Amino acid sequence: MIRSELIQKLSEENPHLFQRDVERIVNTIFEEIIEAMARGDRVELRGFGAFSVKKRDARAGRNPRTGESVAVEQKHVPFFKTGKLLRDRLNGE
């Protein structure tokens, strides 16, 4: 599902809201998650999962085409851990 499909589905399920308002709500939620993660905070949505940021240390990598050693800088990457409810539903429990 992409963002526009999510907005469309929420608009259909809530006919009392204008689509532009639903779009604003969805965009605000995503922006708040992004801003929290940019600050290094953890975002937990009960039953769904938790978003966090993990630090990857600098390392020596390889260019797959030439096999040459390449320095890979330290970086921060997003990480998602599923919640128990989501895991159970995916496994048919």
PDB file of N, CA and C in Angstrom:
ATOM      1  N   MET A   1       0.851  -1.174   0.000  1.00  0.00           N
ATOM      2  CA  MET A   1       0.000   0.000   0.000  1.00  0.00           C
ATOM      3  C   MET A   1       0.895   1.233   0.000  1.00  0.00           C
ATOM      4  N   ILE A   2       0.568   2.173  -0.844  1.00  0.00           N
ATOM      5  CA  ILE A   2       1.309   3.427  -0.889  1.00  0.00           C
ATOM      6  C   ILE A   2       0.494   4.516  -0.185  1.00  0.00           C
ATOM      7  N   ARG A   3       1.144   5.643   0.037  1.00  0.00           N
ATOM      8  CA  ARG A   3       0.518   6.724   0.807  1.00  0.00           C
ATOM      9  C   ARG A   3      -0.832   7.151   0.234  1.00  0.00           C
ATOM     10  N   SER A   4      -0.912   7.302  -1.084  1.00  0.00           N
ATOM     11  CA  SER A   4      -2.172   7.749  -1.697  1.00  0.00           C
ATOM     12  C   SER A   4      -3.277   6.708  -1.510  1.00  0.00           C
ATOM     13  N   GLU A   5      -2.937   5.416  -1.523  1.00  0.00           N
ATOM     14  CA  GLU A   5      -3.936   4.373  -1.278  1.00  0.00           C
ATOM     15  C   GLU A   5      -4.421   4.417   0.167  1.00  0.00           C
ATOM     16  N   LEU A   6      -3.504   4.678   1.094  1.00  0.00           N
ATOM     17  CA  LEU A   6      -3.881   4.815   2.498  1.00  0.00           C
ATOM     18  C   LEU A   6      -4.840   5.982   2.683  1.00  0.00           C
ATOM     19  N   ILE A   7      -4.522   7.105   2.079  1.00  0.00           N
ATOM     20  CA  ILE A   7      -5.379   8.295   2.165  1.00  0.00           C
ATOM     21  C   ILE A   7      -6.756   8.000   1.577  1.00  0.00           C
ATOM     22  N   GLN A   8      -6.789   7.331   0.434  1.00  0.00           N
ATOM     23  CA  GLN A   8      -8.056   6.996  -0.216  1.00  0.00           C
ATOM     24  C   GLN A   8      -8.895   6.075   0.659  1.00  0.00           C
ATOM     25  N   LYS A   9      -8.275   5.059   1.241  1.00  0.00           N
ATOM     26  CA  LYS A   9      -9.002   4.107   2.099  1.00  0.00           C
ATOM     27  C   LYS A   9      -9.554   4.801   3.339  1.00  0.00           C
ATOM     28  N   LEU A  10      -8.743   5.651   3.972  1.00  0.00           N
ATOM     29  CA  LEU A  10      -9.217   6.378   5.155  1.00  0.00           C
ATOM     30  C   LEU A  10     -10.353   7.325   4.796  1.00  0.00           C
ATOM     31  N   SER A  11     -10.278   7.954   3.632  1.00  0.00           N
ATOM     32  CA  SER A  11     -11.355   8.860   3.188  1.00  0.00           C
ATOM     33  C   SER A  11     -12.652   8.099   2.979  1.00  0.00           C
ATOM     34  N   GLU A  12     -12.545   6.898   2.401  1.00  0.00           N
ATOM     35  CA  GLU A  12     -13.742   6.083   2.169  1.00  0.00           C
ATOM     36  C   GLU A  12     -14.360   5.612   3.484  1.00  0.00           C
ATOM     37  N   GLU A  13     -13.518   5.291   4.462  1.00  0.00           N
ATOM     38  CA  GLU A  13     -14.017   4.798   5.746  1.00  0.00           C
ATOM     39  C   GLU A  13     -14.533   5.917   6.643  1.00  0.00           C
ATOM     40  N   ASN A  14     -14.172   7.157   6.327  1.00  0.00           N
ATOM     41  CA  ASN A  14     -14.607   8.316   7.112  1.00  0.00           C
ATOM     42  C   ASN A  14     -15.211   9.365   6.188  1.00  0.00           C
ATOM     43  N   PRO A  15     -16.422   9.122   5.679  1.00  0.00           N
ATOM     44  CA  PRO A  15     -17.021  10.043   4.704  1.00  0.00           C
ATOM     45  C   PRO A  15     -17.306  11.436   5.271  1.00  0.00           C
ATOM     46  N   HIS A  16     -17.305  11.581   6.598  1.00  0.00           N
ATOM     47  CA  HIS A  16     -17.549  12.888   7.203  1.00  0.00           C
ATOM     48  C   HIS A  16     -16.314  13.787   7.126  1.00  0.00           C
ATOM     49  N   LEU A  17     -15.145  13.239   6.723  1.00  0.00           N
ATOM     50  CA  LEU A  17     -13.917  14.034   6.582  1.00  0.00           C
ATOM     51  C   LEU A  17     -13.627  14.297   5.116  1.00  0.00           C
ATOM     52  N   PHE A  18     -13.133  15.489   4.832  1.00  0.00           N
ATOM     53  CA  PHE A  18     -12.707  15.802   3.478  1.00  0.00           C
ATOM     54  C   PHE A  18     -11.401  15.085   3.188  1.00  0.00           C
ATOM     55  N   GLN A  19     -11.195  14.715   1.919  1.00  0.00           N
ATOM     56  CA  GLN A  19      -9.970  14.009   1.556  1.00  0.00           C
ATOM     57  C   GLN A  19      -8.735  14.857   1.855  1.00  0.00           C
ATOM     58  N   ARG A  20      -8.819  16.159   1.654  1.00  0.00           N
ATOM     59  CA  ARG A  20      -7.655  17.022   1.930  1.00  0.00           C
ATOM     60  C   ARG A  20      -7.300  17.013   3.415  1.00  0.00           C
ATOM     61  N   ASP A  21      -8.319  16.872   4.290  1.00  0.00           N
ATOM     62  CA  ASP A  21      -8.063  16.794   5.725  1.00  0.00           C
ATOM     63  C   ASP A  21      -7.407  15.461   6.094  1.00  0.00           C
ATOM     64  N   VAL A  22      -7.879  14.379   5.478  1.00  0.00           N
ATOM     65  CA  VAL A  22      -7.276  13.066   5.718  1.00  0.00           C
ATOM     66  C   VAL A  22      -5.824  13.082   5.244  1.00  0.00           C
ATOM     67  N   GLU A  23      -5.581  13.684   4.098  1.00  0.00           N
ATOM     68  CA  GLU A  23      -4.217  13.786   3.567  1.00  0.00           C
ATOM     69  C   GLU A  23      -3.318  14.572   4.527  1.00  0.00           C
ATOM     70  N   ARG A  24      -3.833  15.657   5.072  1.00  0.00           N
ATOM     71  CA  ARG A  24      -3.080  16.464   6.028  1.00  0.00           C
ATOM     72  C   ARG A  24      -2.768  15.660   7.298  1.00  0.00           C
ATOM     73  N   ILE A  25      -3.732  14.878   7.766  1.00  0.00           N
ATOM     74  CA  ILE A  25      -3.545  14.051   8.959  1.00  0.00           C
ATOM     75  C   ILE A  25      -2.453  13.006   8.726  1.00  0.00           C
ATOM     76  N   VAL A  26      -2.541  12.291   7.610  1.00  0.00           N
ATOM     77  CA  VAL A  26      -1.554  11.254   7.294  1.00  0.00           C
ATOM     78  C   VAL A  26      -0.162  11.870   7.157  1.00  0.00           C
ATOM     79  N   ASN A  27      -0.062  12.990   6.448  1.00  0.00           N
ATOM     80  CA  ASN A  27       1.240  13.646   6.272  1.00  0.00           C
ATOM     81  C   ASN A  27       1.804  14.129   7.604  1.00  0.00           C
ATOM     82  N   THR A  28       0.952  14.625   8.487  1.00  0.00           N
ATOM     83  CA  THR A  28       1.398  15.082   9.801  1.00  0.00           C
ATOM     84  C   THR A  28       1.935  13.924  10.625  1.00  0.00           C
ATOM     85  N   ILE A  29       1.259  12.802  10.591  1.00  0.00           N
ATOM     86  CA  ILE A  29       1.721  11.625  11.334  1.00  0.00           C
ATOM     87  C   ILE A  29       3.093  11.191  10.841  1.00  0.00           C
ATOM     88  N   PHE A  30       3.247  11.089   9.524  1.00  0.00           N
ATOM     89  CA  PHE A  30       4.548  10.682   8.973  1.00  0.00           C
ATOM     90  C   PHE A  30       5.639  11.692   9.294  1.00  0.00           C
ATOM     91  N   GLU A  31       5.329  12.974   9.209  1.00  0.00           N
ATOM     92  CA  GLU A  31       6.323  14.006   9.518  1.00  0.00           C
ATOM     93  C   GLU A  31       6.760  13.938  10.977  1.00  0.00           C
ATOM     94  N   GLU A  32       5.810  13.699  11.878  1.00  0.00           N
ATOM     95  CA  GLU A  32       6.148  13.593  13.302  1.00  0.00           C
ATOM     96  C   GLU A  32       7.038  12.388  13.569  1.00  0.00           C
ATOM     97  N   ILE A  33       6.765  11.269  12.902  1.00  0.00           N
ATOM     98  CA  ILE A  33       7.617  10.084  13.048  1.00  0.00           C
ATOM     99  C   ILE A  33       9.025  10.388  12.540  1.00  0.00           C
ATOM    100  N   ILE A  34       9.116  11.033  11.382  1.00  0.00           N
ATOM    101  CA  ILE A  34      10.417  11.379  10.797  1.00  0.00           C
ATOM    102  C   ILE A  34      11.187  12.327  11.706  1.00  0.00           C
ATOM    103  N   GLU A  35      10.517  13.359  12.219  1.00  0.00           N
ATOM    104  CA  GLU A  35      11.193  14.328  13.090  1.00  0.00           C
ATOM    105  C   GLU A  35      11.674  13.677  14.381  1.00  0.00           C
ATOM    106  N   ALA A  36      10.859  12.792  14.957  1.00  0.00           N
ATOM    107  CA  ALA A  36      11.264  12.106  16.184  1.00  0.00           C
ATOM    108  C   ALA A  36      12.485  11.230  15.936  1.00  0.00           C
ATOM    109  N   MET A  37      12.492  10.521  14.831  1.00  0.00           N
ATOM    110  CA  MET A  37      13.638   9.668  14.517  1.00  0.00           C
ATOM    111  C   MET A  37      14.880  10.500  14.206  1.00  0.00           C
ATOM    112  N   ALA A  38      14.709  11.654  13.583  1.00  0.00           N
ATOM    113  CA  ALA A  38      15.845  12.532  13.290  1.00  0.00           C
ATOM    114  C   ALA A  38      16.486  13.036  14.584  1.00  0.00           C
ATOM    115  N   ARG A  39      15.666  13.181  15.639  1.00  0.00           N
ATOM    116  CA  ARG A  39      16.199  13.581  16.947  1.00  0.00           C
ATOM    117  C   ARG A  39      16.830  12.398  17.683  1.00  0.00           C
ATOM    118  N   GLY A  40      16.658  11.199  17.147  1.00  0.00           N
ATOM    119  CA  GLY A  40      17.192  10.005  17.790  1.00  0.00           C
ATOM    120  C   GLY A  40      16.201   9.338  18.720  1.00  0.00           C
ATOM    121  N   ASP A  41      14.947   9.807  18.721  1.00  0.00           N
ATOM    122  CA  ASP A  41      13.920   9.229  19.579  1.00  0.00           C
ATOM    123  C   ASP A  41      13.357   7.950  18.976  1.00  0.00           C
ATOM    124  N   ARG A  42      12.730   7.163  19.810  1.00  0.00           N
ATOM    125  CA  ARG A  42      12.066   5.933  19.401  1.00  0.00           C
ATOM    126  C   ARG A  42      10.579   6.230  19.275  1.00  0.00           C
ATOM    127  N   VAL A  43       9.924   5.691  18.240  1.00  0.00           N
ATOM    128  CA  VAL A  43       8.488   5.886  18.036  1.00  0.00           C
ATOM    129  C   VAL A  43       7.819   4.523  18.124  1.00  0.00           C
ATOM    130  N   GLU A  44       6.916   4.374  19.091  1.00  0.00           N
ATOM    131  CA  GLU A  44       6.244   3.092  19.293  1.00  0.00           C
ATOM    132  C   GLU A  44       4.757   3.234  19.023  1.00  0.00           C
ATOM    133  N   LEU A  45       4.242   2.366  18.163  1.00  0.00           N
ATOM    134  CA  LEU A  45       2.816   2.295  17.874  1.00  0.00           C
ATOM    135  C   LEU A  45       2.347   0.941  18.392  1.00  0.00           C
ATOM    136  N   ARG A  46       1.671   0.937  19.524  1.00  0.00           N
ATOM    137  CA  ARG A  46       1.263  -0.298  20.199  1.00  0.00           C
ATOM    138  C   ARG A  46       0.507  -1.224  19.251  1.00  0.00           C
ATOM    139  N   GLY A  47       0.878  -2.480  19.246  1.00  0.00           N
ATOM    140  CA  GLY A  47       0.238  -3.478  18.400  1.00  0.00           C
ATOM    141  C   GLY A  47       0.793  -3.508  16.988  1.00  0.00           C
ATOM    142  N   PHE A  48       1.495  -2.470  16.572  1.00  0.00           N
ATOM    143  CA  PHE A  48       2.042  -2.402  15.221  1.00  0.00           C
ATOM    144  C   PHE A  48       3.544  -2.627  15.242  1.00  0.00           C
ATOM    145  N   GLY A  49       4.259  -1.784  15.990  1.00  0.00           N
ATOM    146  CA  GLY A  49       5.707  -1.935  16.073  1.00  0.00           C
ATOM    147  C   GLY A  49       6.373  -0.664  16.551  1.00  0.00           C
ATOM    148  N   ALA A  50       7.707  -0.696  16.511  1.00  0.00           N
ATOM    149  CA  ALA A  50       8.484   0.442  16.980  1.00  0.00           C
ATOM    150  C   ALA A  50       9.538   0.819  15.949  1.00  0.00           C
ATOM    151  N   PHE A  51       9.647   2.116  15.696  1.00  0.00           N
ATOM    152  CA  PHE A  51      10.670   2.657  14.808  1.00  0.00           C
ATOM    153  C   PHE A  51      11.788   3.216  15.678  1.00  0.00           C
ATOM    154  N   SER A  52      13.015   2.938  15.304  1.00  0.00           N
ATOM    155  CA  SER A  52      14.157   3.492  16.034  1.00  0.00           C
ATOM    156  C   SER A  52      15.291   3.733  15.046  1.00  0.00           C
ATOM    157  N   VAL A  53      16.361   4.316  15.556  1.00  0.00           N
ATOM    158  CA  VAL A  53      17.530   4.610  14.718  1.00  0.00           C
ATOM    159  C   VAL A  53      18.706   3.821  15.271  1.00  0.00           C
ATOM    160  N   LYS A  54      19.395   3.132  14.379  1.00  0.00           N
ATOM    161  CA  LYS A  54      20.587   2.387  14.786  1.00  0.00           C
ATOM    162  C   LYS A  54      21.813   3.014  14.126  1.00  0.00           C
ATOM    163  N   LYS A  55      22.921   2.952  14.844  1.00  0.00           N
ATOM    164  CA  LYS A  55      24.173   3.510  14.343  1.00  0.00           C
ATOM    165  C   LYS A  55      25.002   2.386  13.734  1.00  0.00           C
ATOM    166  N   ARG A  56      25.462   2.589  12.520  1.00  0.00           N
ATOM    167  CA  ARG A  56      26.368   1.643  11.880  1.00  0.00           C
ATOM    168  C   ARG A  56      27.760   2.255  11.880  1.00  0.00           C
ATOM    169  N   ASP A  57      28.707   1.543  12.445  1.00  0.00           N
ATOM    170  CA  ASP A  57      30.078   2.033  12.516  1.00  0.00           C
ATOM    171  C   ASP A  57      30.729   2.039  11.138  1.00  0.00           C
ATOM    172  N   ALA A  58      31.790   2.842  11.020  1.00  0.00           N
ATOM    173  CA  ALA A  58      32.569   2.880   9.787  1.00  0.00           C
ATOM    174  C   ALA A  58      33.201   1.508   9.576  1.00  0.00           C
ATOM    175  N   ARG A  59      33.360   1.130   8.314  1.00  0.00           N
ATOM    176  CA  ARG A  59      33.936  -0.180   8.019  1.00  0.00           C
ATOM    177  C   ARG A  59      34.587  -0.163   6.640  1.00  0.00           C
ATOM    178  N   ALA A  60      35.289  -1.213   6.345  1.00  0.00           N
ATOM    179  CA  ALA A  60      35.874  -1.369   5.013  1.00  0.00           C
ATOM    180  C   ALA A  60      34.934  -2.244   4.205  1.00  0.00           C
ATOM    181  N   GLY A  61      34.441  -1.719   3.095  1.00  0.00           N
ATOM    182  CA  GLY A  61      33.558  -2.470   2.212  1.00  0.00           C
ATOM    183  C   GLY A  61      34.290  -2.829   0.935  1.00  0.00           C
ATOM    184  N   ARG A  62      33.598  -3.471   0.016  1.00  0.00           N
ATOM    185  CA  ARG A  62      34.193  -3.850  -1.262  1.00  0.00           C
ATOM    186  C   ARG A  62      33.321  -3.390  -2.405  1.00  0.00           C
ATOM    187  N   ASN A  63      33.964  -2.906  -3.456  1.00  0.00           N
ATOM    188  CA  ASN A  63      33.261  -2.592  -4.695  1.00  0.00           C
ATOM    189  C   ASN A  63      32.964  -3.927  -5.368  1.00  0.00           C
ATOM    190  N   PRO A  64      31.696  -4.277  -5.565  1.00  0.00           N
ATOM    191  CA  PRO A  64      31.377  -5.603  -6.110  1.00  0.00           C
ATOM    192  C   PRO A  64      31.874  -5.800  -7.551  1.00  0.00           C
ATOM    193  N   ARG A  65      32.024  -4.725  -8.280  1.00  0.00           N
ATOM    194  CA  ARG A  65      32.453  -4.851  -9.666  1.00  0.00           C
ATOM    195  C   ARG A  65      33.955  -5.108  -9.771  1.00  0.00           C
ATOM    196  N   THR A  66      34.744  -4.352  -8.993  1.00  0.00           N
ATOM    197  CA  THR A  66      36.207  -4.454  -9.108  1.00  0.00           C
ATOM    198  C   THR A  66      36.839  -5.247  -7.971  1.00  0.00           C
ATOM    199  N   GLY A  67      36.133  -5.422  -6.868  1.00  0.00           N
ATOM    200  CA  GLY A  67      36.707  -6.109  -5.712  1.00  0.00           C
ATOM    201  C   GLY A  67      37.601  -5.204  -4.879  1.00  0.00           C
ATOM    202  N   GLU A  68      37.705  -3.946  -5.295  1.00  0.00           N
ATOM    203  CA  GLU A  68      38.553  -2.976  -4.598  1.00  0.00           C
ATOM    204  C   GLU A  68      37.964  -2.623  -3.232  1.00  0.00           C
ATOM    205  N   SER A  69      38.808  -2.453  -2.239  1.00  0.00           N
ATOM    206  CA  SER A  69      38.384  -2.081  -0.900  1.00  0.00           C
ATOM    207  C   SER A  69      37.975  -0.610  -0.880  1.00  0.00           C
ATOM    208  N   VAL A  70      36.831  -0.333  -0.228  1.00  0.00           N
ATOM    209  CA  VAL A  70      36.282   1.021  -0.172  1.00  0.00           C
ATOM    210  C   VAL A  70      35.934   1.336   1.281  1.00  0.00           C
ATOM    211  N   ALA A  71      36.257   2.554   1.720  1.00  0.00           N
ATOM    212  CA  ALA A  71      35.914   2.975   3.081  1.00  0.00           C
ATOM    213  C   ALA A  71      34.447   3.401   3.123  1.00  0.00           C
ATOM    214  N   VAL A  72      33.674   2.806   4.033  1.00  0.00           N
ATOM    215  CA  VAL A  72      32.265   3.151   4.212  1.00  0.00           C
ATOM    216  C   VAL A  72      32.171   3.921   5.525  1.00  0.00           C
ATOM    217  N   GLU A  73      31.639   5.137   5.451  1.00  0.00           N
ATOM    218  CA  GLU A  73      31.559   5.998   6.635  1.00  0.00           C
ATOM    219  C   GLU A  73      30.493   5.527   7.617  1.00  0.00           C
ATOM    220  N   GLN A  74      30.622   5.997   8.845  1.00  0.00           N
ATOM    221  CA  GLN A  74      29.610   5.740   9.873  1.00  0.00           C
ATOM    222  C   GLN A  74      28.302   6.383   9.430  1.00  0.00           C
ATOM    223  N   LYS A  75      27.194   5.720   9.747  1.00  0.00           N
ATOM    224  CA  LYS A  75      25.898   6.296   9.384  1.00  0.00           C
ATOM    225  C   LYS A  75      24.823   5.800  10.330  1.00  0.00           C
ATOM    226  N   HIS A  76      23.697   6.490  10.301  1.00  0.00           N
ATOM    227  CA  HIS A  76      22.531   6.107  11.086  1.00  0.00           C
ATOM    228  C   HIS A  76      21.474   5.578  10.120  1.00  0.00           C
ATOM    229  N   VAL A  77      20.835   4.475  10.488  1.00  0.00           N
ATOM    230  CA  VAL A  77      19.836   3.857   9.625  1.00  0.00           C
ATOM    231  C   VAL A  77      18.544   3.624  10.400  1.00  0.00           C
ATOM    232  N   PRO A  78      17.394   3.727   9.728  1.00  0.00           N
ATOM    233  CA  PRO A  78      16.128   3.455  10.406  1.00  0.00           C
ATOM    234  C   PRO A  78      15.977   1.957  10.647  1.00  0.00           C
ATOM    235  N   PHE A  79      15.312   1.612  11.745  1.00  0.00           N
ATOM    236  CA  PHE A  79      15.101   0.222  12.114  1.00  0.00           C
ATOM    237  C   PHE A  79      13.656   0.078  12.579  1.00  0.00           C
ATOM    238  N   PHE A  80      13.007  -1.005  12.154  1.00  0.00           N
ATOM    239  CA  PHE A  80      11.626  -1.254  12.551  1.00  0.00           C
ATOM    240  C   PHE A  80      11.530  -2.629  13.186  1.00  0.00           C
ATOM    241  N   LYS A  81      10.936  -2.682  14.361  1.00  0.00           N
ATOM    242  CA  LYS A  81      10.700  -3.954  15.047  1.00  0.00           C
ATOM    243  C   LYS A  81       9.198  -4.130  15.167  1.00  0.00           C
ATOM    244  N   THR A  82       8.680  -5.241  14.650  1.00  0.00           N
ATOM    245  CA  THR A  82       7.240  -5.466  14.664  1.00  0.00           C
ATOM    246  C   THR A  82       6.736  -5.715  16.082  1.00  0.00           C
ATOM    247  N   GLY A  83       5.509  -5.315  16.307  1.00  0.00           N
ATOM    248  CA  GLY A  83       4.848  -5.560  17.587  1.00  0.00           C
ATOM    249  C   GLY A  83       4.277  -6.971  17.624  1.00  0.00           C
ATOM    250  N   LYS A  84       3.967  -7.447  18.789  1.00  0.00           N
ATOM    251  CA  LYS A  84       3.462  -8.806  18.959  1.00  0.00           C
ATOM    252  C   LYS A  84       2.158  -9.028  18.201  1.00  0.00           C
ATOM    253  N   LEU A  85       1.234  -8.077  18.256  1.00  0.00           N
ATOM    254  CA  LEU A  85      -0.052  -8.224  17.577  1.00  0.00           C
ATOM    255  C   LEU A  85       0.148  -8.370  16.067  1.00  0.00           C
ATOM    256  N   LEU A  86       0.994  -7.543  15.485  1.00  0.00           N
ATOM    257  CA  LEU A  86       1.261  -7.616  14.044  1.00  0.00           C
ATOM    258  C   LEU A  86       1.910  -8.951  13.692  1.00  0.00           C
ATOM    259  N   ARG A  87       2.895  -9.365  14.476  1.00  0.00           N
ATOM    260  CA  ARG A  87       3.581 -10.640  14.234  1.00  0.00           C
ATOM    261  C   ARG A  87       2.593 -11.807  14.290  1.00  0.00           C
ATOM    262  N   ASP A  88       1.711 -11.779  15.292  1.00  0.00           N
ATOM    263  CA  ASP A  88       0.723 -12.845  15.432  1.00  0.00           C
ATOM    264  C   ASP A  88      -0.247 -12.890  14.244  1.00  0.00           C
ATOM    265  N   ARG A  89      -0.695 -11.729  13.788  1.00  0.00           N
ATOM    266  CA  ARG A  89      -1.630 -11.687  12.648  1.00  0.00           C
ATOM    267  C   ARG A  89      -0.974 -12.150  11.360  1.00  0.00           C
ATOM    268  N   LEU A  90       0.315 -11.816  11.180  1.00  0.00           N
ATOM    269  CA  LEU A  90       1.030 -12.259   9.985  1.00  0.00           C
ATOM    270  C   LEU A  90       1.228 -13.771   9.975  1.00  0.00           C
ATOM    271  N   ASN A  91       1.317 -14.367  11.164  1.00  0.00           N
ATOM    272  CA  ASN A  91       1.524 -15.803  11.277  1.00  0.00           C
ATOM    273  C   ASN A  91       0.226 -16.580  11.495  1.00  0.00           C
ATOM    274  N   GLY A  92      -0.909 -15.903  11.331  1.00  0.00           N
ATOM    275  CA  GLY A  92      -2.209 -16.559  11.414  1.00  0.00           C
ATOM    276  C   GLY A  92      -2.593 -17.046  12.793  1.00  0.00           C
ATOM    277  N   GLU A  93      -2.088 -16.397  13.808  1.00  0.00           N
ATOM    278  CA  GLU A  93      -2.402 -16.824  15.182  1.00  0.00           C
ATOM    279  C   GLU A  93      -3.512 -15.989  15.772  1.00  0.00           C
TER     280      GLU A  93
END
